[in-house]
N, C-alpha and C. Protein backbone atom coordinates (compact mmCIF):
# COMPACT_ATOMS: atom_id res chain seq x y z
N MET A 1 -29.42 20.31 20.34
CA MET A 1 -30.68 21.02 20.45
C MET A 1 -31.82 20.16 19.89
N PHE A 2 -31.57 19.55 18.74
CA PHE A 2 -32.62 18.74 18.14
C PHE A 2 -32.87 17.44 18.89
N ARG A 3 -31.83 16.91 19.51
CA ARG A 3 -32.03 15.71 20.33
C ARG A 3 -32.90 16.02 21.54
N SER A 4 -32.66 17.18 22.15
CA SER A 4 -33.48 17.59 23.29
C SER A 4 -34.93 17.78 22.87
N ALA A 5 -35.14 18.42 21.73
CA ALA A 5 -36.50 18.65 21.24
C ALA A 5 -37.18 17.33 20.90
N ARG A 6 -36.46 16.42 20.30
CA ARG A 6 -37.05 15.12 19.94
C ARG A 6 -37.39 14.32 21.20
N ALA A 7 -36.51 14.34 22.20
CA ALA A 7 -36.79 13.62 23.44
C ALA A 7 -38.01 14.20 24.14
N GLU A 8 -38.14 15.53 24.14
CA GLU A 8 -39.31 16.16 24.75
C GLU A 8 -40.58 15.82 23.97
N ALA A 9 -40.50 15.80 22.65
CA ALA A 9 -41.67 15.44 21.84
C ALA A 9 -42.08 13.99 22.08
N GLN A 10 -41.12 13.10 22.23
CA GLN A 10 -41.44 11.70 22.52
C GLN A 10 -42.09 11.57 23.89
N ARG A 11 -41.63 12.37 24.84
CA ARG A 11 -42.24 12.34 26.17
C ARG A 11 -43.68 12.84 26.12
N LEU A 12 -43.91 13.87 25.30
CA LEU A 12 -45.26 14.41 25.18
C LEU A 12 -46.21 13.43 24.50
N ARG A 13 -45.71 12.66 23.57
CA ARG A 13 -46.57 11.69 22.88
C ARG A 13 -47.08 10.61 23.83
N ALA A 14 -46.36 10.39 24.91
CA ALA A 14 -46.79 9.40 25.89
C ALA A 14 -47.70 10.00 26.96
N ALA A 15 -47.90 11.32 26.92
CA ALA A 15 -48.72 11.98 27.94
C ALA A 15 -50.20 11.65 27.74
N ASP A 16 -50.95 11.71 28.84
CA ASP A 16 -52.37 11.34 28.80
C ASP A 16 -53.19 12.30 27.94
N TYR A 17 -52.92 13.60 28.02
CA TYR A 17 -53.72 14.54 27.25
C TYR A 17 -53.48 14.39 25.75
N TYR A 18 -52.28 13.97 25.37
CA TYR A 18 -52.00 13.74 23.95
C TYR A 18 -52.76 12.51 23.46
N ARG A 19 -52.76 11.47 24.28
CA ARG A 19 -53.50 10.26 23.91
C ARG A 19 -55.00 10.51 23.90
N ALA A 20 -55.48 11.35 24.83
CA ALA A 20 -56.91 11.67 24.85
C ALA A 20 -57.30 12.43 23.60
N ALA A 21 -56.49 13.37 23.17
CA ALA A 21 -56.77 14.11 21.94
C ALA A 21 -56.75 13.17 20.74
N GLN A 22 -55.85 12.23 20.75
CA GLN A 22 -55.77 11.26 19.67
C GLN A 22 -57.00 10.35 19.67
N ALA A 23 -57.47 9.97 20.85
CA ALA A 23 -58.65 9.11 20.94
C ALA A 23 -59.91 9.84 20.51
N MET A 24 -59.94 11.17 20.70
CA MET A 24 -61.12 11.94 20.28
C MET A 24 -61.10 12.27 18.79
N GLY A 25 -60.05 11.84 18.09
CA GLY A 25 -60.01 12.01 16.66
C GLY A 25 -59.28 13.24 16.17
N ALA A 26 -58.49 13.85 17.02
CA ALA A 26 -57.72 15.02 16.59
C ALA A 26 -56.65 14.58 15.60
N GLY A 27 -56.48 15.38 14.56
CA GLY A 27 -55.48 15.05 13.54
C GLY A 27 -54.06 15.32 14.03
N THR A 28 -53.13 14.84 13.24
CA THR A 28 -51.72 14.99 13.60
C THR A 28 -51.32 16.45 13.67
N LEU A 29 -51.74 17.26 12.70
CA LEU A 29 -51.39 18.67 12.70
C LEU A 29 -51.98 19.40 13.90
N HIS A 30 -53.20 19.03 14.27
CA HIS A 30 -53.82 19.63 15.45
C HIS A 30 -53.03 19.28 16.71
N GLN A 31 -52.66 18.04 16.85
CA GLN A 31 -51.90 17.62 18.03
C GLN A 31 -50.54 18.30 18.10
N ILE A 32 -49.88 18.43 16.95
CA ILE A 32 -48.58 19.09 16.92
C ILE A 32 -48.74 20.57 17.26
N GLY A 33 -49.72 21.23 16.65
CA GLY A 33 -49.91 22.66 16.86
C GLY A 33 -50.40 23.03 18.24
N TRP A 34 -51.23 22.20 18.84
CA TRP A 34 -51.82 22.56 20.14
C TRP A 34 -51.12 21.93 21.33
N HIS A 35 -50.40 20.85 21.15
CA HIS A 35 -49.81 20.16 22.28
C HIS A 35 -48.28 20.12 22.25
N VAL A 36 -47.71 19.83 21.10
CA VAL A 36 -46.27 19.63 21.03
C VAL A 36 -45.50 20.95 20.92
N VAL A 37 -45.89 21.81 19.99
CA VAL A 37 -45.15 23.05 19.75
C VAL A 37 -45.13 23.96 20.99
N PRO A 38 -46.25 24.19 21.67
CA PRO A 38 -46.15 25.03 22.88
C PRO A 38 -45.27 24.44 23.97
N ALA A 39 -45.21 23.13 24.06
CA ALA A 39 -44.37 22.51 25.09
C ALA A 39 -42.89 22.53 24.70
N LEU A 40 -42.60 22.56 23.40
CA LEU A 40 -41.21 22.57 22.95
C LEU A 40 -40.61 23.97 22.93
N ARG A 41 -41.43 24.99 22.99
CA ARG A 41 -40.93 26.36 22.89
C ARG A 41 -39.87 26.68 23.94
N PRO A 42 -40.05 26.38 25.23
CA PRO A 42 -38.99 26.71 26.20
C PRO A 42 -37.68 25.95 25.94
N VAL A 43 -37.78 24.70 25.52
CA VAL A 43 -36.59 23.90 25.26
C VAL A 43 -35.81 24.50 24.09
N LEU A 44 -36.50 24.79 23.01
CA LEU A 44 -35.84 25.34 21.83
C LEU A 44 -35.34 26.76 22.06
N LEU A 45 -36.09 27.54 22.82
CA LEU A 45 -35.69 28.91 23.08
C LEU A 45 -34.43 28.98 23.92
N SER A 46 -34.33 28.14 24.92
CA SER A 46 -33.12 28.15 25.74
C SER A 46 -31.91 27.69 24.94
N ALA A 47 -32.09 26.70 24.08
CA ALA A 47 -30.99 26.25 23.23
C ALA A 47 -30.60 27.33 22.23
N LEU A 48 -31.57 28.04 21.71
CA LEU A 48 -31.29 29.11 20.76
C LEU A 48 -30.52 30.25 21.42
N VAL A 49 -30.84 30.58 22.65
CA VAL A 49 -30.12 31.65 23.35
C VAL A 49 -28.67 31.23 23.61
N VAL A 50 -28.47 29.98 23.97
CA VAL A 50 -27.10 29.50 24.18
C VAL A 50 -26.31 29.57 22.87
N LEU A 51 -26.93 29.17 21.78
CA LEU A 51 -26.26 29.24 20.48
C LEU A 51 -26.00 30.69 20.07
N PHE A 52 -26.94 31.59 20.35
CA PHE A 52 -26.76 33.00 20.02
C PHE A 52 -25.60 33.59 20.79
N ALA A 53 -25.54 33.33 22.09
CA ALA A 53 -24.44 33.85 22.91
C ALA A 53 -23.10 33.30 22.44
N HIS A 54 -23.09 32.03 22.08
CA HIS A 54 -21.86 31.42 21.58
C HIS A 54 -21.45 32.07 20.26
N ALA A 55 -22.39 32.31 19.36
CA ALA A 55 -22.08 32.92 18.07
C ALA A 55 -21.55 34.34 18.24
N VAL A 56 -22.13 35.11 19.15
CA VAL A 56 -21.65 36.48 19.39
C VAL A 56 -20.23 36.46 19.93
N LYS A 57 -19.96 35.56 20.88
CA LYS A 57 -18.62 35.49 21.45
C LYS A 57 -17.59 35.01 20.44
N VAL A 58 -17.96 34.06 19.60
CA VAL A 58 -17.03 33.56 18.58
C VAL A 58 -16.73 34.64 17.55
N GLU A 59 -17.76 35.39 17.15
CA GLU A 59 -17.53 36.47 16.19
C GLU A 59 -16.61 37.53 16.77
N ALA A 60 -16.82 37.89 18.02
CA ALA A 60 -15.96 38.89 18.66
C ALA A 60 -14.52 38.36 18.78
N LEU A 61 -14.36 37.10 19.09
CA LEU A 61 -13.02 36.52 19.21
C LEU A 61 -12.32 36.50 17.86
N LEU A 62 -13.03 36.09 16.81
CA LEU A 62 -12.41 36.06 15.49
C LEU A 62 -12.04 37.47 15.01
N ALA A 63 -12.90 38.43 15.29
CA ALA A 63 -12.57 39.81 14.92
C ALA A 63 -11.39 40.32 15.74
N TYR A 64 -11.33 39.94 17.01
CA TYR A 64 -10.21 40.34 17.86
C TYR A 64 -8.89 39.79 17.31
N LEU A 65 -8.94 38.57 16.81
CA LEU A 65 -7.74 37.95 16.26
C LEU A 65 -7.43 38.41 14.84
N GLY A 66 -8.35 39.18 14.25
CA GLY A 66 -8.12 39.70 12.91
C GLY A 66 -8.59 38.79 11.80
N ALA A 67 -9.43 37.82 12.11
CA ALA A 67 -9.90 36.86 11.11
C ALA A 67 -11.33 37.16 10.66
N SER A 68 -11.65 38.44 10.52
CA SER A 68 -12.98 38.81 10.05
C SER A 68 -12.84 39.77 8.88
N ALA A 69 -13.96 40.10 8.28
CA ALA A 69 -13.94 41.03 7.15
C ALA A 69 -13.46 42.40 7.62
N PRO A 70 -12.49 42.98 6.95
CA PRO A 70 -11.93 44.25 7.44
C PRO A 70 -12.88 45.43 7.33
N GLU A 71 -13.85 45.38 6.43
CA GLU A 71 -14.74 46.53 6.25
C GLU A 71 -15.94 46.53 7.20
N LEU A 72 -16.17 45.45 7.91
CA LEU A 72 -17.31 45.37 8.80
C LEU A 72 -16.92 45.76 10.23
N PRO A 73 -17.75 46.55 10.90
CA PRO A 73 -17.45 46.89 12.29
C PRO A 73 -17.72 45.69 13.21
N SER A 74 -16.98 45.64 14.31
CA SER A 74 -17.15 44.52 15.23
C SER A 74 -16.66 44.92 16.62
N TRP A 75 -17.26 44.31 17.65
CA TRP A 75 -16.80 44.54 19.00
C TRP A 75 -15.40 43.98 19.21
N GLY A 76 -15.11 42.90 18.54
CA GLY A 76 -13.78 42.32 18.66
C GLY A 76 -12.70 43.25 18.15
N LYS A 77 -12.98 43.97 17.06
CA LYS A 77 -12.00 44.94 16.55
C LYS A 77 -11.82 46.09 17.53
N LEU A 78 -12.91 46.52 18.16
CA LEU A 78 -12.79 47.57 19.17
C LEU A 78 -11.95 47.10 20.35
N LEU A 79 -12.15 45.87 20.76
CA LEU A 79 -11.35 45.32 21.87
C LEU A 79 -9.88 45.20 21.49
N ALA A 80 -9.59 44.83 20.25
CA ALA A 80 -8.20 44.72 19.81
C ALA A 80 -7.53 46.09 19.81
N ARG A 81 -8.26 47.11 19.37
CA ARG A 81 -7.68 48.46 19.35
C ARG A 81 -7.48 49.01 20.77
N SER A 82 -8.36 48.64 21.67
CA SER A 82 -8.26 49.17 23.03
C SER A 82 -7.22 48.44 23.87
N GLY A 83 -6.72 47.31 23.38
CA GLY A 83 -5.72 46.55 24.15
C GLY A 83 -4.43 47.31 24.37
N SER A 84 -3.98 48.04 23.37
CA SER A 84 -2.74 48.79 23.54
C SER A 84 -2.92 49.94 24.53
N GLU A 85 -4.10 50.52 24.56
CA GLU A 85 -4.35 51.60 25.51
C GLU A 85 -4.52 51.07 26.93
N LEU A 86 -5.01 49.84 27.04
CA LEU A 86 -5.17 49.24 28.37
C LEU A 86 -3.82 49.05 29.04
N ALA A 87 -2.80 48.75 28.25
CA ALA A 87 -1.46 48.58 28.81
C ALA A 87 -0.92 49.90 29.36
N ARG A 88 -1.41 51.02 28.85
CA ARG A 88 -0.98 52.33 29.34
C ARG A 88 -1.83 52.82 30.51
N GLY A 89 -2.84 52.05 30.91
CA GLY A 89 -3.67 52.43 32.03
C GLY A 89 -4.97 53.10 31.64
N VAL A 90 -5.26 53.17 30.36
CA VAL A 90 -6.52 53.77 29.88
C VAL A 90 -7.52 52.62 29.71
N TRP A 91 -8.44 52.49 30.65
CA TRP A 91 -9.33 51.33 30.69
C TRP A 91 -10.68 51.57 30.04
N TRP A 92 -11.12 52.81 29.85
CA TRP A 92 -12.48 53.06 29.39
C TRP A 92 -12.74 52.63 27.95
N PRO A 93 -11.79 52.63 27.01
CA PRO A 93 -12.12 52.06 25.68
C PRO A 93 -12.43 50.56 25.75
N THR A 94 -11.73 49.87 26.63
CA THR A 94 -12.01 48.44 26.80
C THR A 94 -13.40 48.22 27.39
N LEU A 95 -13.76 49.03 28.35
CA LEU A 95 -15.09 48.93 28.95
C LEU A 95 -16.17 49.29 27.92
N ALA A 96 -15.91 50.30 27.10
CA ALA A 96 -16.89 50.71 26.09
C ALA A 96 -17.08 49.64 25.02
N ALA A 97 -16.08 48.81 24.80
CA ALA A 97 -16.21 47.75 23.81
C ALA A 97 -16.78 46.46 24.40
N SER A 98 -16.45 46.17 25.65
CA SER A 98 -16.87 44.89 26.24
C SER A 98 -18.22 44.95 26.94
N ALA A 99 -18.59 46.09 27.49
CA ALA A 99 -19.87 46.18 28.22
C ALA A 99 -21.07 45.93 27.31
N PRO A 100 -21.15 46.51 26.10
CA PRO A 100 -22.31 46.20 25.24
C PRO A 100 -22.36 44.73 24.83
N LEU A 101 -21.21 44.13 24.66
CA LEU A 101 -21.17 42.71 24.31
C LEU A 101 -21.76 41.86 25.43
N ALA A 102 -21.36 42.13 26.65
CA ALA A 102 -21.91 41.40 27.80
C ALA A 102 -23.38 41.71 28.00
N LEU A 103 -23.77 42.96 27.78
CA LEU A 103 -25.16 43.35 27.94
C LEU A 103 -26.07 42.68 26.91
N LEU A 104 -25.59 42.52 25.70
CA LEU A 104 -26.37 41.85 24.65
C LEU A 104 -26.65 40.40 25.03
N VAL A 105 -25.64 39.70 25.48
CA VAL A 105 -25.81 38.30 25.87
C VAL A 105 -26.72 38.20 27.09
N LEU A 106 -26.58 39.10 28.04
CA LEU A 106 -27.44 39.11 29.23
C LEU A 106 -28.89 39.38 28.87
N CYS A 107 -29.13 40.34 27.99
CA CYS A 107 -30.51 40.66 27.57
C CYS A 107 -31.15 39.48 26.84
N ALA A 108 -30.38 38.79 26.02
CA ALA A 108 -30.91 37.62 25.34
C ALA A 108 -31.31 36.54 26.34
N GLN A 109 -30.51 36.36 27.37
CA GLN A 109 -30.82 35.36 28.40
C GLN A 109 -32.07 35.74 29.18
N VAL A 110 -32.19 37.00 29.55
CA VAL A 110 -33.37 37.46 30.30
C VAL A 110 -34.62 37.32 29.43
N LEU A 111 -34.52 37.66 28.16
CA LEU A 111 -35.65 37.51 27.25
C LEU A 111 -36.08 36.06 27.14
N ALA A 112 -35.14 35.16 27.04
CA ALA A 112 -35.47 33.74 26.96
C ALA A 112 -36.10 33.24 28.26
N ASP A 113 -35.59 33.70 29.40
CA ASP A 113 -36.17 33.30 30.68
C ASP A 113 -37.61 33.76 30.82
N ARG A 114 -37.86 35.01 30.44
CA ARG A 114 -39.22 35.55 30.58
C ARG A 114 -40.19 34.91 29.62
N SER A 115 -39.78 34.66 28.39
CA SER A 115 -40.71 34.03 27.45
C SER A 115 -40.91 32.56 27.79
N GLY A 116 -39.92 31.92 28.42
CA GLY A 116 -40.10 30.55 28.88
C GLY A 116 -41.10 30.47 30.02
N ARG A 117 -41.09 31.46 30.91
CA ARG A 117 -42.05 31.49 32.01
C ARG A 117 -43.44 31.83 31.52
N ALA A 118 -43.55 32.67 30.50
CA ALA A 118 -44.85 33.06 29.99
C ALA A 118 -45.58 31.89 29.34
N SER A 119 -44.82 30.94 28.81
CA SER A 119 -45.46 29.81 28.14
C SER A 119 -45.86 28.72 29.12
N GLU A 120 -45.42 28.79 30.36
CA GLU A 120 -45.77 27.75 31.33
C GLU A 120 -47.15 27.96 31.90
């Protein structure tokens, strides 16, 4: 994520509008705040959403395997409990545990897409 942000920042430093602002005497903080940060927002936001989705899935997997704190609720624990019922043909506990998990990741992706378009 940081390599992508650094590469984008280096590309922006070579842009004409950045050099023009520098030639007009704009300070470093002004250039970063007005030119670099708004351009880096979509790059960082998309990376953050990917990391968020990965973290949610890893937490659910660890809870499913029983490697999480026993007193904390988790979607993974719900999926583990619904597994025995799924073998008997009762599918709705599995759906009730997995659908919100998928919906959370989908909503995060849609939010990142829309805020990335708003900054363009």
